[in-house]
Amino acid sequence: GVAANLGVVRAIEQVFELKSGELVVPCDHLFTGAIGAVLGAKEKAGSEHTGNESNIRWVYLLKDFM
């Protein structure tokens, strides 16, 4: 993804006049989109149980990344 592209990271640092290393790219950047999707789905579902135990387990596993 874009976060792993050092050229893009350097370009963003230049545009915002940041020193090398000031732009923080999380080491788990590959998962942040998935985590956001899970949190959005969880919020949309509210407290309703959908019956899909597999998805519920993933929500609890992803909590460790936050």
Protein backbone atom coordinates (compact mmCIF):
# COMPACT_ATOMS: atom_id res chain seq x y z
CA GLY A 1 0.00 0.00 0.00
CA VAL A 2 0.87 3.66 -0.03
CA ALA A 3 2.13 3.65 3.56
CA ALA A 4 4.84 1.13 2.61
CA ASN A 5 6.01 3.26 -0.33
CA LEU A 6 9.10 5.13 0.87
CA GLY A 7 8.85 7.53 -2.08
CA VAL A 8 5.38 8.60 -0.99
CA VAL A 9 6.51 8.93 2.62
CA ARG A 10 9.41 11.18 1.55
CA ALA A 11 7.13 13.24 -0.69
CA ILE A 12 4.67 13.82 2.16
CA GLU A 13 7.56 14.78 4.46
CA GLN A 14 8.73 17.32 1.86
CA VAL A 15 5.28 18.80 1.22
CA PHE A 16 4.63 19.28 4.94
CA GLU A 17 8.24 20.29 5.61
CA LEU A 18 8.77 17.45 8.10
CA LYS A 19 12.15 16.18 9.13
CA SER A 20 13.02 12.62 8.20
CA GLY A 21 11.22 10.30 10.62
CA GLU A 22 8.64 12.85 11.81
CA LEU A 23 5.89 11.26 9.73
CA VAL A 24 4.67 8.28 11.71
CA VAL A 25 3.70 5.23 9.66
CA PRO A 26 2.28 2.55 11.98
CA CYS A 27 4.02 -0.82 11.72
CA ASP A 28 0.61 -2.45 11.32
CA HIS A 29 -0.53 -0.10 8.54
CA LEU A 30 -1.60 -3.07 6.42
CA PHE A 31 -4.36 -3.83 8.93
CA THR A 32 -5.71 -0.37 9.74
CA GLY A 33 -8.28 -0.45 6.93
CA ALA A 34 -9.58 -3.83 8.07
CA ILE A 35 -9.73 -2.66 11.68
CA GLY A 36 -11.69 0.42 10.59
CA ALA A 37 -14.11 -1.74 8.62
CA VAL A 38 -14.71 -4.00 11.61
CA LEU A 39 -15.25 -1.05 13.94
CA GLY A 40 -17.66 0.54 11.45
CA ALA A 41 -19.61 -2.69 11.08
CA LYS A 42 -19.69 -3.14 14.84
CA GLU A 43 -21.03 0.39 15.31
CA LYS A 44 -23.63 -0.08 12.57
CA ALA A 45 -24.81 -3.37 14.05
CA GLY A 46 -25.05 -1.90 17.54
CA SER A 47 -25.79 -4.54 20.11
CA GLU A 48 -27.76 -6.75 17.71
CA HIS A 49 -26.46 -10.29 17.39
CA THR A 50 -26.12 -11.23 13.72
CA GLY A 51 -25.65 -14.93 14.39
CA ASN A 52 -22.26 -15.00 12.69
CA GLU A 53 -19.94 -16.23 15.45
CA SER A 54 -16.92 -16.09 13.13
CA ASN A 55 -17.22 -12.31 12.71
CA ILE A 56 -17.74 -11.82 16.43
CA ARG A 57 -14.49 -13.69 17.16
CA TRP A 58 -12.64 -11.43 14.72
CA VAL A 59 -13.86 -8.33 16.53
CA TYR A 60 -12.38 -9.62 19.78
CA LEU A 61 -9.12 -10.67 18.09
CA LEU A 62 -8.73 -7.23 16.50
CA LYS A 63 -9.14 -5.51 19.88
CA ASP A 64 -5.56 -6.62 20.64
CA PHE A 65 -4.30 -4.32 17.85
CA MET A 66 -5.94 -1.22 19.31
